[in-house]
Amino acid sequence: MKMELRRSLALAGCIFLSSCGGGTQDETIQTQDSAYQQSMDAGSQAFALERYSVAERSYREAARLALRRDDAGAIGDASYNLAVTQLAAGNPTDALATVQNARTALMMRQGREASAVEGGLPKTTQGDAGLSISHGSLNLVAAAADYRLNRLSAAAEDARLAAASPESDIALRGAFIRGLIAAKQGDGATLSAAISQLQSAKPPHSAVQQADLAELQARQVLFTQPQQAIEFASSAVGLRRNTGDYQAMARALALEGQAARATGQEARAKSLFAQASQSLGANGGSDVKPGTEARDLMNESGGLAPIQPFISQEPTQ
């Protein structure tokens, strides 16, 4: 609202002054379009601090500015970040809606190239190739959102498309999600194929790639070699912690708990389930109530501890 007000006042100034603004047209465009990058940067900073509602507002503004400029690449980037933020905030349905809107916007601009000026929106001169990368990113988010919603058939198709992306990072993450879905469906062949795709990645392997591989390997041997599954899952936990992906870390903790239970280590299993529950319960701040997954995991632990043990309690009268 304040931004719109400032724009209205600036416009009014142009009406009453015979010469409004001494800058060139390029300088004016640069000033206007720098707002896009500022919104993207603000969203990134808020996301890193887990202030997802703030990040979402920033990315929505960036998407609006990208639409104003009719820049397909910037639309893809902003909408992807928006969908990832919604997913991180625990709103997979919203993330899917964003993906669908972004796909529609990109399809309308298929084959178009942006011509952002120096200092304005990031240049997106890849044409169709640039758009295919944006679609690959969106397929990845859609697969993750559908997986969270237990829409496994839709998730599997989007993950398959992402795994075939020409961009290796997207393809490897798509393979990982394919593996997660296959493990949940009991599809050993697809799980093995996903593991092979991750193993065949060119070095050096990032911590994220190592964690993805370790988690899929744990799921592959969970019921046949549970002790080895514990080792794989424990490795994934450490890697996820180091990369700051705490939601994935909690998932790996729960997987380690399943493996421990399969080896008869019930006390260890319960502790791991409780740890996973508390990690999930701490997402989004102390004012956010624990979700279903966090409650289910604490139930698996036999109610070993409170999900949010350090939140302030309202005084009793």
C-alpha atoms as a PDB file:
ATOM      1  CA  MET A   1       0.000   0.000   0.000  1.00  0.00           C
ATOM      2  CA  LYS A   2       2.830   2.423   0.888  1.00  0.00           C
ATOM      3  CA  MET A   3       4.661   1.564  -2.329  1.00  0.00           C
ATOM      4  CA  GLU A   4       1.556   2.324  -4.393  1.00  0.00           C
ATOM      5  CA  LEU A   5       1.119   5.562  -2.502  1.00  0.00           C
ATOM      6  CA  ARG A   6       4.679   6.643  -3.281  1.00  0.00           C
ATOM      7  CA  ARG A   7       4.139   5.860  -6.955  1.00  0.00           C
ATOM      8  CA  SER A   8       0.937   7.943  -6.972  1.00  0.00           C
ATOM      9  CA  LEU A   9       2.733  10.884  -5.401  1.00  0.00           C
ATOM     10  CA  ALA A  10       5.562  10.606  -7.929  1.00  0.00           C
ATOM     11  CA  LEU A  11       3.045  10.593 -10.775  1.00  0.00           C
ATOM     12  CA  ALA A  12       1.316  13.630  -9.345  1.00  0.00           C
ATOM     13  CA  GLY A  13       4.669  15.408  -9.289  1.00  0.00           C
ATOM     14  CA  CYS A  14       5.115  14.716 -12.979  1.00  0.00           C
ATOM     15  CA  ILE A  15       1.736  16.260 -13.709  1.00  0.00           C
ATOM     16  CA  PHE A  16       2.568  19.518 -11.986  1.00  0.00           C
ATOM     17  CA  LEU A  17       6.187  19.857 -13.105  1.00  0.00           C
ATOM     18  CA  SER A  18       6.935  20.666 -16.713  1.00  0.00           C
ATOM     19  CA  SER A  19      10.096  18.528 -16.732  1.00  0.00           C
ATOM     20  CA  CYS A  20       9.847  15.501 -14.498  1.00  0.00           C
ATOM     21  CA  GLY A  21      13.063  13.626 -13.805  1.00  0.00           C
ATOM     22  CA  GLY A  22      16.374  14.514 -15.319  1.00  0.00           C
ATOM     23  CA  GLY A  23      17.511  10.913 -15.902  1.00  0.00           C
ATOM     24  CA  THR A  24      17.583   9.090 -19.192  1.00  0.00           C
ATOM     25  CA  GLN A  25      15.003   6.481 -20.148  1.00  0.00           C
ATOM     26  CA  ASP A  26      17.511   3.696 -19.429  1.00  0.00           C
ATOM     27  CA  GLU A  27      18.118   5.090 -15.934  1.00  0.00           C
ATOM     28  CA  THR A  28      14.383   5.167 -15.270  1.00  0.00           C
ATOM     29  CA  ILE A  29      14.007   1.564 -16.397  1.00  0.00           C
ATOM     30  CA  GLN A  30      16.957   0.505 -14.260  1.00  0.00           C
ATOM     31  CA  THR A  31      15.426   2.161 -11.208  1.00  0.00           C
ATOM     32  CA  GLN A  32      12.064   0.511 -11.796  1.00  0.00           C
ATOM     33  CA  ASP A  33      13.430  -2.930 -12.515  1.00  0.00           C
ATOM     34  CA  SER A  34      15.939  -2.947  -9.664  1.00  0.00           C
ATOM     35  CA  ALA A  35      12.861  -3.377  -7.451  1.00  0.00           C
ATOM     36  CA  TYR A  36      12.573  -6.917  -8.804  1.00  0.00           C
ATOM     37  CA  GLN A  37      16.032  -7.885  -7.577  1.00  0.00           C
ATOM     38  CA  GLN A  38      15.409  -6.149  -4.259  1.00  0.00           C
ATOM     39  CA  SER A  39      12.239  -8.209  -3.784  1.00  0.00           C
ATOM     40  CA  MET A  40      14.083 -11.401  -4.674  1.00  0.00           C
ATOM     41  CA  ASP A  41      16.904 -10.568  -2.256  1.00  0.00           C
ATOM     42  CA  ALA A  42      14.455  -9.707   0.525  1.00  0.00           C
ATOM     43  CA  GLY A  43      12.667 -12.992  -0.043  1.00  0.00           C
ATOM     44  CA  SER A  44      15.920 -14.919   0.087  1.00  0.00           C
ATOM     45  CA  GLN A  45      16.941 -13.271   3.354  1.00  0.00           C
ATOM     46  CA  ALA A  46      13.548 -13.893   4.954  1.00  0.00           C
ATOM     47  CA  PHE A  47      13.549 -17.501   3.756  1.00  0.00           C
ATOM     48  CA  ALA A  48      16.964 -18.109   5.328  1.00  0.00           C
ATOM     49  CA  LEU A  49      15.569 -16.845   8.642  1.00  0.00           C
ATOM     50  CA  GLU A  50      12.461 -19.075   8.240  1.00  0.00           C
ATOM     51  CA  ARG A  51      10.243 -16.007   8.084  1.00  0.00           C
ATOM     52  CA  TYR A  52       8.171 -17.656   5.409  1.00  0.00           C
ATOM     53  CA  SER A  53       5.236 -15.245   5.404  1.00  0.00           C
ATOM     54  CA  VAL A  54       7.636 -12.344   4.784  1.00  0.00           C
ATOM     55  CA  ALA A  55       9.458 -14.303   2.085  1.00  0.00           C
ATOM     56  CA  GLU A  56       6.157 -15.161   0.418  1.00  0.00           C
ATOM     57  CA  ARG A  57       5.138 -11.497   0.226  1.00  0.00           C
ATOM     58  CA  SER A  58       8.518 -10.577  -1.269  1.00  0.00           C
ATOM     59  CA  TYR A  59       8.379 -13.283  -3.925  1.00  0.00           C
ATOM     60  CA  ARG A  60       4.803 -12.379  -4.828  1.00  0.00           C
ATOM     61  CA  GLU A  61       5.973  -8.819  -5.402  1.00  0.00           C
ATOM     62  CA  ALA A  62       8.879 -10.067  -7.511  1.00  0.00           C
ATOM     63  CA  ALA A  63       6.496 -12.157  -9.609  1.00  0.00           C
ATOM     64  CA  ARG A  64       4.252  -9.128 -10.101  1.00  0.00           C
ATOM     65  CA  LEU A  65       7.193  -7.053 -11.308  1.00  0.00           C
ATOM     66  CA  ALA A  66       8.288  -9.848 -13.642  1.00  0.00           C
ATOM     67  CA  LEU A  67       4.810  -9.966 -15.148  1.00  0.00           C
ATOM     68  CA  ARG A  68       4.854  -6.199 -15.600  1.00  0.00           C
ATOM     69  CA  ARG A  69       8.025  -6.506 -17.647  1.00  0.00           C
ATOM     70  CA  ASP A  70       6.747  -9.639 -19.444  1.00  0.00           C
ATOM     71  CA  ASP A  71      10.042 -11.407 -18.645  1.00  0.00           C
ATOM     72  CA  ALA A  72       9.568 -15.169 -18.895  1.00  0.00           C
ATOM     73  CA  GLY A  73      12.804 -16.061 -17.108  1.00  0.00           C
ATOM     74  CA  ALA A  74      12.117 -13.727 -14.202  1.00  0.00           C
ATOM     75  CA  ILE A  75       8.547 -15.043 -13.929  1.00  0.00           C
ATOM     76  CA  GLY A  76       9.925 -18.572 -13.706  1.00  0.00           C
ATOM     77  CA  ASP A  77      12.510 -17.644 -11.061  1.00  0.00           C
ATOM     78  CA  ALA A  78      10.126 -15.671  -8.856  1.00  0.00           C
ATOM     79  CA  SER A  79       7.315 -18.207  -9.057  1.00  0.00           C
ATOM     80  CA  TYR A  80       9.706 -21.069  -8.332  1.00  0.00           C
ATOM     81  CA  ASN A  81      10.993 -19.301  -5.215  1.00  0.00           C
ATOM     82  CA  LEU A  82       7.429 -18.536  -4.167  1.00  0.00           C
ATOM     83  CA  ALA A  83       6.378 -22.182  -4.530  1.00  0.00           C
ATOM     84  CA  VAL A  84       9.453 -23.408  -2.622  1.00  0.00           C
ATOM     85  CA  THR A  85       8.657 -20.953   0.173  1.00  0.00           C
ATOM     86  CA  GLN A  86       5.069 -22.168   0.386  1.00  0.00           C
ATOM     87  CA  LEU A  87       6.306 -25.743   0.494  1.00  0.00           C
ATOM     88  CA  ALA A  88       8.776 -24.937   3.269  1.00  0.00           C
ATOM     89  CA  ALA A  89       5.983 -23.213   5.201  1.00  0.00           C
ATOM     90  CA  GLY A  90       3.983 -26.445   5.112  1.00  0.00           C
ATOM     91  CA  ASN A  91       1.489 -25.330   2.476  1.00  0.00           C
ATOM     92  CA  PRO A  92       1.868 -27.843  -0.385  1.00  0.00           C
ATOM     93  CA  THR A  93      -1.586 -27.048  -1.776  1.00  0.00           C
ATOM     94  CA  ASP A  94      -0.622 -23.382  -2.168  1.00  0.00           C
ATOM     95  CA  ALA A  95       2.667 -24.442  -3.756  1.00  0.00           C
ATOM     96  CA  LEU A  96       0.806 -26.523  -6.348  1.00  0.00           C
ATOM     97  CA  ALA A  97      -1.459 -23.567  -7.180  1.00  0.00           C
ATOM     98  CA  THR A  98       1.609 -21.377  -7.694  1.00  0.00           C
ATOM     99  CA  VAL A  99       3.186 -24.005  -9.938  1.00  0.00           C
ATOM    100  CA  GLN A 100       0.043 -24.197 -12.066  1.00  0.00           C
ATOM    101  CA  ASN A 101      -0.163 -20.421 -12.429  1.00  0.00           C
ATOM    102  CA  ALA A 102       3.522 -20.271 -13.329  1.00  0.00           C
ATOM    103  CA  ARG A 103       3.171 -23.029 -15.924  1.00  0.00           C
ATOM    104  CA  THR A 104       0.309 -21.151 -17.547  1.00  0.00           C
ATOM    105  CA  ALA A 105       2.284 -17.889 -17.574  1.00  0.00           C
ATOM    106  CA  LEU A 106       5.333 -19.572 -19.094  1.00  0.00           C
ATOM    107  CA  MET A 107       3.368 -21.460 -21.724  1.00  0.00           C
ATOM    108  CA  MET A 108       1.903 -18.185 -22.960  1.00  0.00           C
ATOM    109  CA  ARG A 109       5.434 -16.898 -23.413  1.00  0.00           C
ATOM    110  CA  GLN A 110       6.931 -20.010 -25.010  1.00  0.00           C
ATOM    111  CA  GLY A 111       9.657 -18.995 -27.440  1.00  0.00           C
ATOM    112  CA  ARG A 112       9.781 -15.391 -26.208  1.00  0.00           C
ATOM    113  CA  GLU A 113      13.032 -13.794 -25.091  1.00  0.00           C
ATOM    114  CA  ALA A 114      13.423 -11.041 -22.525  1.00  0.00           C
ATOM    115  CA  SER A 115      15.605  -8.008 -23.170  1.00  0.00           C
ATOM    116  CA  ALA A 116      16.270  -6.651 -19.709  1.00  0.00           C
ATOM    117  CA  VAL A 117      18.544  -3.649 -19.636  1.00  0.00           C
ATOM    118  CA  GLU A 118      21.848  -3.539 -17.795  1.00  0.00           C
ATOM    119  CA  GLY A 119      21.144  -3.266 -14.086  1.00  0.00           C
ATOM    120  CA  GLY A 120      17.524  -4.350 -14.452  1.00  0.00           C
ATOM    121  CA  LEU A 121      15.978  -7.813 -14.305  1.00  0.00           C
ATOM    122  CA  PRO A 122      18.368 -10.732 -14.879  1.00  0.00           C
ATOM    123  CA  LYS A 123      18.719 -11.255 -18.614  1.00  0.00           C
ATOM    124  CA  THR A 124      16.898 -14.343 -19.890  1.00  0.00           C
ATOM    125  CA  THR A 125      18.028 -14.772 -23.475  1.00  0.00           C
ATOM    126  CA  GLN A 126      17.987 -18.566 -23.580  1.00  0.00           C
ATOM    127  CA  GLY A 127      14.650 -18.672 -25.441  1.00  0.00           C
ATOM    128  CA  ASP A 128      12.953 -22.082 -25.283  1.00  0.00           C
ATOM    129  CA  ALA A 129      15.889 -23.648 -23.452  1.00  0.00           C
ATOM    130  CA  GLY A 130      15.513 -21.144 -20.618  1.00  0.00           C
ATOM    131  CA  LEU A 131      11.823 -21.880 -20.343  1.00  0.00           C
ATOM    132  CA  SER A 132      12.411 -25.643 -20.261  1.00  0.00           C
ATOM    133  CA  ILE A 133      14.718 -25.139 -17.279  1.00  0.00           C
ATOM    134  CA  SER A 134      12.003 -23.133 -15.534  1.00  0.00           C
ATOM    135  CA  HIS A 135       9.512 -25.897 -16.237  1.00  0.00           C
ATOM    136  CA  GLY A 136      11.985 -28.437 -14.849  1.00  0.00           C
ATOM    137  CA  SER A 137      12.270 -26.467 -11.620  1.00  0.00           C
ATOM    138  CA  LEU A 138       8.501 -26.244 -11.353  1.00  0.00           C
ATOM    139  CA  ASN A 139       8.159 -29.986 -11.996  1.00  0.00           C
ATOM    140  CA  LEU A 140      10.495 -30.536  -9.075  1.00  0.00           C
ATOM    141  CA  VAL A 141       8.422 -28.409  -6.697  1.00  0.00           C
ATOM    142  CA  ALA A 142       5.181 -30.001  -7.915  1.00  0.00           C
ATOM    143  CA  ALA A 143       6.616 -33.478  -7.296  1.00  0.00           C
ATOM    144  CA  ALA A 144       7.628 -32.549  -3.741  1.00  0.00           C
ATOM    145  CA  ALA A 145       4.243 -30.953  -3.027  1.00  0.00           C
ATOM    146  CA  ASP A 146       2.304 -33.914  -4.384  1.00  0.00           C
ATOM    147  CA  TYR A 147       4.492 -36.262  -2.345  1.00  0.00           C
ATOM    148  CA  ARG A 148       3.673 -34.283   0.813  1.00  0.00           C
ATOM    149  CA  LEU A 149      -0.034 -34.581  -0.051  1.00  0.00           C
ATOM    150  CA  ASN A 150       0.355 -38.326  -0.683  1.00  0.00           C
ATOM    151  CA  ARG A 151      -0.685 -37.867  -4.332  1.00  0.00           C
ATOM    152  CA  LEU A 152       1.897 -40.385  -5.388  1.00  0.00           C
ATOM    153  CA  SER A 153       0.872 -40.917  -9.011  1.00  0.00           C
ATOM    154  CA  ALA A 154       1.021 -37.196  -9.795  1.00  0.00           C
ATOM    155  CA  ALA A 155       4.227 -36.862  -7.798  1.00  0.00           C
ATOM    156  CA  ALA A 156       5.841 -39.738  -9.701  1.00  0.00           C
ATOM    157  CA  GLU A 157       5.074 -38.163 -13.085  1.00  0.00           C
ATOM    158  CA  ASP A 158       6.431 -34.740 -12.125  1.00  0.00           C
ATOM    159  CA  ALA A 159       9.504 -36.369 -10.562  1.00  0.00           C
ATOM    160  CA  ARG A 160      10.078 -38.359 -13.759  1.00  0.00           C
ATOM    161  CA  LEU A 161       9.991 -35.158 -15.804  1.00  0.00           C
ATOM    162  CA  ALA A 162      12.306 -33.376 -13.370  1.00  0.00           C
ATOM    163  CA  ALA A 163      14.751 -36.299 -13.411  1.00  0.00           C
ATOM    164  CA  ALA A 164      14.986 -35.931 -17.195  1.00  0.00           C
ATOM    165  CA  SER A 165      15.853 -32.215 -16.977  1.00  0.00           C
ATOM    166  CA  PRO A 166      18.972 -31.084 -18.878  1.00  0.00           C
ATOM    167  CA  GLU A 167      20.033 -29.233 -15.722  1.00  0.00           C
ATOM    168  CA  SER A 168      21.912 -31.729 -13.560  1.00  0.00           C
ATOM    169  CA  ASP A 169      20.937 -30.302 -10.157  1.00  0.00           C
ATOM    170  CA  ILE A 170      17.246 -30.497 -11.032  1.00  0.00           C
ATOM    171  CA  ALA A 171      17.637 -33.964 -12.574  1.00  0.00           C
ATOM    172  CA  LEU A 172      19.384 -35.343  -9.481  1.00  0.00           C
ATOM    173  CA  ARG A 173      16.796 -33.912  -7.098  1.00  0.00           C
ATOM    174  CA  GLY A 174      14.082 -35.286  -9.358  1.00  0.00           C
ATOM    175  CA  ALA A 175      15.733 -38.701  -9.144  1.00  0.00           C
ATOM    176  CA  PHE A 176      15.769 -38.428  -5.364  1.00  0.00           C
ATOM    177  CA  ILE A 177      12.055 -37.679  -5.183  1.00  0.00           C
ATOM    178  CA  ARG A 178      11.406 -40.552  -7.620  1.00  0.00           C
ATOM    179  CA  GLY A 179      13.266 -42.764  -5.174  1.00  0.00           C
ATOM    180  CA  LEU A 180      11.243 -41.553  -2.196  1.00  0.00           C
ATOM    181  CA  ILE A 181       8.005 -42.273  -4.035  1.00  0.00           C
ATOM    182  CA  ALA A 182       9.220 -45.674  -5.225  1.00  0.00           C
ATOM    183  CA  ALA A 183      10.201 -46.653  -1.680  1.00  0.00           C
ATOM    184  CA  LYS A 184       6.763 -45.674  -0.425  1.00  0.00           C
ATOM    185  CA  GLN A 185       5.111 -47.686  -3.212  1.00  0.00           C
ATOM    186  CA  GLY A 186       7.371 -50.708  -2.795  1.00  0.00           C
ATOM    187  CA  ASP A 187       8.756 -50.235  -6.327  1.00  0.00           C
ATOM    188  CA  GLY A 188      12.243 -51.695  -5.975  1.00  0.00           C
ATOM    189  CA  ALA A 189      13.181 -51.287  -9.639  1.00  0.00           C
ATOM    190  CA  THR A 190      12.488 -47.546  -9.740  1.00  0.00           C
ATOM    191  CA  LEU A 191      14.216 -47.079  -6.379  1.00  0.00           C
ATOM    192  CA  SER A 192      17.319 -48.851  -7.714  1.00  0.00           C
ATOM    193  CA  ALA A 193      17.221 -46.713 -10.878  1.00  0.00           C
ATOM    194  CA  ALA A 194      17.045 -43.530  -8.777  1.00  0.00           C
ATOM    195  CA  ILE A 195      20.013 -44.653  -6.688  1.00  0.00           C
ATOM    196  CA  SER A 196      21.980 -45.446  -9.850  1.00  0.00           C
ATOM    197  CA  GLN A 197      21.260 -41.987 -11.275  1.00  0.00           C
ATOM    198  CA  LEU A 198      22.548 -40.355  -8.098  1.00  0.00           C
ATOM    199  CA  GLN A 199      25.624 -42.582  -8.003  1.00  0.00           C
ATOM    200  CA  SER A 200      26.464 -41.750 -11.619  1.00  0.00           C
ATOM    201  CA  ALA A 201      26.546 -38.002 -10.987  1.00  0.00           C
ATOM    202  CA  LYS A 202      29.815 -36.342 -11.873  1.00  0.00           C
ATOM    203  CA  PRO A 203      31.995 -35.431  -8.875  1.00  0.00           C
ATOM    204  CA  PRO A 204      32.391 -33.467  -6.761  1.00  0.00           C
ATOM    205  CA  HIS A 205      29.184 -34.465  -5.011  1.00  0.00           C
ATOM    206  CA  SER A 206      27.525 -31.827  -2.864  1.00  0.00           C
ATOM    207  CA  ALA A 207      26.407 -32.544   0.689  1.00  0.00           C
ATOM    208  CA  VAL A 208      22.800 -32.475  -0.549  1.00  0.00           C
ATOM    209  CA  GLN A 209      23.546 -35.132  -3.173  1.00  0.00           C
ATOM    210  CA  GLN A 210      25.370 -37.269  -0.624  1.00  0.00           C
ATOM    211  CA  ALA A 211      22.454 -37.012   1.790  1.00  0.00           C
ATOM    212  CA  ASP A 212      19.926 -37.854  -0.933  1.00  0.00           C
ATOM    213  CA  LEU A 213      21.895 -40.962  -1.881  1.00  0.00           C
ATOM    214  CA  ALA A 214      22.356 -42.078   1.732  1.00  0.00           C
ATOM    215  CA  GLU A 215      18.641 -41.709   2.456  1.00  0.00           C
ATOM    216  CA  LEU A 216      17.608 -43.740  -0.589  1.00  0.00           C
ATOM    217  CA  GLN A 217      20.177 -46.407   0.232  1.00  0.00           C
ATOM    218  CA  ALA A 218      18.765 -46.621   3.758  1.00  0.00           C
ATOM    219  CA  ARG A 219      15.269 -47.086   2.383  1.00  0.00           C
ATOM    220  CA  GLN A 220      16.478 -49.749  -0.032  1.00  0.00           C
ATOM    221  CA  VAL A 221      17.908 -51.996   2.724  1.00  0.00           C
ATOM    222  CA  LEU A 222      15.522 -51.002   5.519  1.00  0.00           C
ATOM    223  CA  PHE A 223      13.843 -54.396   5.811  1.00  0.00           C
ATOM    224  CA  THR A 224      16.631 -56.631   4.542  1.00  0.00           C
ATOM    225  CA  GLN A 225      19.684 -55.120   6.264  1.00  0.00           C
ATOM    226  CA  PRO A 226      18.325 -52.798   8.957  1.00  0.00           C
ATOM    227  CA  GLN A 227      21.687 -52.353  10.686  1.00  0.00           C
ATOM    228  CA  GLN A 228      23.166 -51.017   7.461  1.00  0.00           C
ATOM    229  CA  ALA A 229      20.064 -48.874   7.041  1.00  0.00           C
ATOM    230  CA  ILE A 230      20.833 -47.310  10.425  1.00  0.00           C
ATOM    231  CA  GLU A 231      24.297 -46.350   9.190  1.00  0.00           C
ATOM    232  CA  PHE A 232      22.994 -44.857   5.956  1.00  0.00           C
ATOM    233  CA  ALA A 233      20.211 -42.953   7.742  1.00  0.00           C
ATOM    234  CA  SER A 234      22.572 -41.650  10.424  1.00  0.00           C
ATOM    235  CA  SER A 235      24.880 -40.348   7.693  1.00  0.00           C
ATOM    236  CA  ALA A 236      21.915 -38.625   6.041  1.00  0.00           C
ATOM    237  CA  VAL A 237      20.943 -37.013   9.348  1.00  0.00           C
ATOM    238  CA  GLY A 238      24.389 -35.455   9.769  1.00  0.00           C
ATOM    239  CA  LEU A 239      24.536 -34.221   6.199  1.00  0.00           C
ATOM    240  CA  ARG A 240      21.042 -32.719   6.374  1.00  0.00           C
ATOM    241  CA  ARG A 241      21.924 -30.971   9.612  1.00  0.00           C
ATOM    242  CA  ASN A 242      25.059 -29.476   8.063  1.00  0.00           C
ATOM    243  CA  THR A 243      23.143 -28.163   5.046  1.00  0.00           C
ATOM    244  CA  GLY A 244      20.386 -26.680   7.213  1.00  0.00           C
ATOM    245  CA  ASP A 245      17.603 -28.782   5.689  1.00  0.00           C
ATOM    246  CA  TYR A 246      15.988 -29.581   9.014  1.00  0.00           C
ATOM    247  CA  GLN A 247      12.757 -30.956   7.598  1.00  0.00           C
ATOM    248  CA  ALA A 248      14.732 -33.527   5.612  1.00  0.00           C
ATOM    249  CA  MET A 249      16.865 -34.137   8.699  1.00  0.00           C
ATOM    250  CA  ALA A 250      13.740 -34.968  10.695  1.00  0.00           C
ATOM    251  CA  ARG A 251      12.654 -37.368   7.962  1.00  0.00           C
ATOM    252  CA  ALA A 252      16.058 -39.069   8.148  1.00  0.00           C
ATOM    253  CA  LEU A 253      15.816 -39.275  11.950  1.00  0.00           C
ATOM    254  CA  ALA A 254      12.451 -41.005  11.609  1.00  0.00           C
ATOM    255  CA  LEU A 255      13.958 -43.373   9.034  1.00  0.00           C
ATOM    256  CA  GLU A 256      16.792 -44.182  11.404  1.00  0.00           C
ATOM    257  CA  GLY A 257      14.163 -44.843  14.052  1.00  0.00           C
ATOM    258  CA  GLN A 258      12.397 -47.309  11.750  1.00  0.00           C
ATOM    259  CA  ALA A 259      15.682 -49.111  11.141  1.00  0.00           C
ATOM    260  CA  ALA A 260      16.485 -49.206  14.855  1.00  0.00           C
ATOM    261  CA  ARG A 261      13.064 -50.672  15.570  1.00  0.00           C
ATOM    262  CA  ALA A 262      13.654 -53.312  12.880  1.00  0.00           C
ATOM    263  CA  THR A 263      16.831 -54.403  14.704  1.00  0.00           C
ATOM    264  CA  GLY A 264      14.990 -54.658  18.029  1.00  0.00           C
ATOM    265  CA  GLN A 265      16.480 -51.456  19.497  1.00  0.00           C
ATOM    266  CA  GLU A 266      13.156 -50.127  20.710  1.00  0.00           C
ATOM    267  CA  ALA A 267      14.495 -47.560  23.197  1.00  0.00           C
ATOM    268  CA  ARG A 268      16.753 -46.065  20.544  1.00  0.00           C
ATOM    269  CA  ALA A 269      13.910 -46.064  18.050  1.00  0.00           C
ATOM    270  CA  LYS A 270      11.642 -44.161  20.425  1.00  0.00           C
ATOM    271  CA  SER A 271      14.329 -41.571  21.104  1.00  0.00           C
ATOM    272  CA  LEU A 272      14.860 -41.040  17.375  1.00  0.00           C
ATOM    273  CA  PHE A 273      11.128 -40.687  16.734  1.00  0.00           C
ATOM    274  CA  ALA A 274      10.907 -38.123  19.540  1.00  0.00           C
ATOM    275  CA  GLN A 275      13.886 -36.197  18.159  1.00  0.00           C
ATOM    276  CA  ALA A 276      12.301 -36.092  14.713  1.00  0.00           C
ATOM    277  CA  SER A 277       9.019 -34.923  16.229  1.00  0.00           C
ATOM    278  CA  GLN A 278      10.652 -32.119  18.194  1.00  0.00           C
ATOM    279  CA  SER A 279      12.619 -30.951  15.155  1.00  0.00           C
ATOM    280  CA  LEU A 280       9.429 -30.752  13.083  1.00  0.00           C
ATOM    281  CA  GLY A 281       7.591 -29.103  15.959  1.00  0.00           C
ATOM    282  CA  ALA A 282      10.235 -26.371  16.091  1.00  0.00           C
ATOM    283  CA  ASN A 283       9.712 -25.387  12.440  1.00  0.00           C
ATOM    284  CA  GLY A 284       8.179 -21.975  11.866  1.00  0.00           C
ATOM    285  CA  GLY A 285       8.677 -20.611  15.370  1.00  0.00           C
ATOM    286  CA  SER A 286       7.199 -21.248  18.785  1.00  0.00           C
ATOM    287  CA  ASP A 287       3.851 -19.707  17.900  1.00  0.00           C
ATOM    288  CA  VAL A 288       3.106 -22.432  15.323  1.00  0.00           C
ATOM    289  CA  LYS A 289       1.270 -25.488  16.581  1.00  0.00           C
ATOM    290  CA  PRO A 290       2.836 -28.881  15.809  1.00  0.00           C
ATOM    291  CA  GLY A 291       1.552 -30.502  12.651  1.00  0.00           C
ATOM    292  CA  THR A 292       0.118 -33.969  12.181  1.00  0.00           C
ATOM    293  CA  GLU A 293       3.466 -35.497  11.249  1.00  0.00           C
ATOM    294  CA  ALA A 294       5.141 -34.211  14.413  1.00  0.00           C
ATOM    295  CA  ARG A 295       2.287 -35.542  16.548  1.00  0.00           C
ATOM    296  CA  ASP A 296       2.346 -38.935  14.812  1.00  0.00           C
ATOM    297  CA  LEU A 297       6.062 -39.292  15.378  1.00  0.00           C
ATOM    298  CA  MET A 298       5.733 -38.436  19.062  1.00  0.00           C
ATOM    299  CA  ASN A 299       3.001 -41.067  19.305  1.00  0.00           C
ATOM    300  CA  GLU A 300       5.471 -43.532  17.776  1.00  0.00           C
ATOM    301  CA  SER A 301       7.851 -42.667  20.616  1.00  0.00           C
ATOM    302  CA  GLY A 302       5.167 -43.486  23.143  1.00  0.00           C
ATOM    303  CA  GLY A 303       4.892 -39.841  24.190  1.00  0.00           C
ATOM    304  CA  LEU A 304       8.502 -39.782  25.318  1.00  0.00           C
ATOM    305  CA  ALA A 305       8.643 -35.966  25.605  1.00  0.00           C
ATOM    306  CA  PRO A 306       6.718 -32.795  24.775  1.00  0.00           C
ATOM    307  CA  ILE A 307       6.916 -31.828  21.107  1.00  0.00           C
ATOM    308  CA  GLN A 308       7.639 -28.184  21.999  1.00  0.00           C
ATOM    309  CA  PRO A 309       9.278 -28.350  25.445  1.00  0.00           C
ATOM    310  CA  PHE A 310      10.587 -24.781  25.559  1.00  0.00           C
ATOM    311  CA  ILE A 311       7.584 -22.679  24.544  1.00  0.00           C
ATOM    312  CA  SER A 312       6.298 -20.230  27.116  1.00  0.00           C
ATOM    313  CA  GLN A 313       3.265 -21.404  29.029  1.00  0.00           C
ATOM    314  CA  GLU A 314       0.278 -19.205  29.694  1.00  0.00           C
ATOM    315  CA  PRO A 315      -0.074 -18.550  33.438  1.00  0.00           C
ATOM    316  CA  THR A 316      -2.877 -20.476  35.047  1.00  0.00           C
ATOM    317  CA  GLN A 317      -5.437 -18.565  37.067  1.00  0.00           C
END
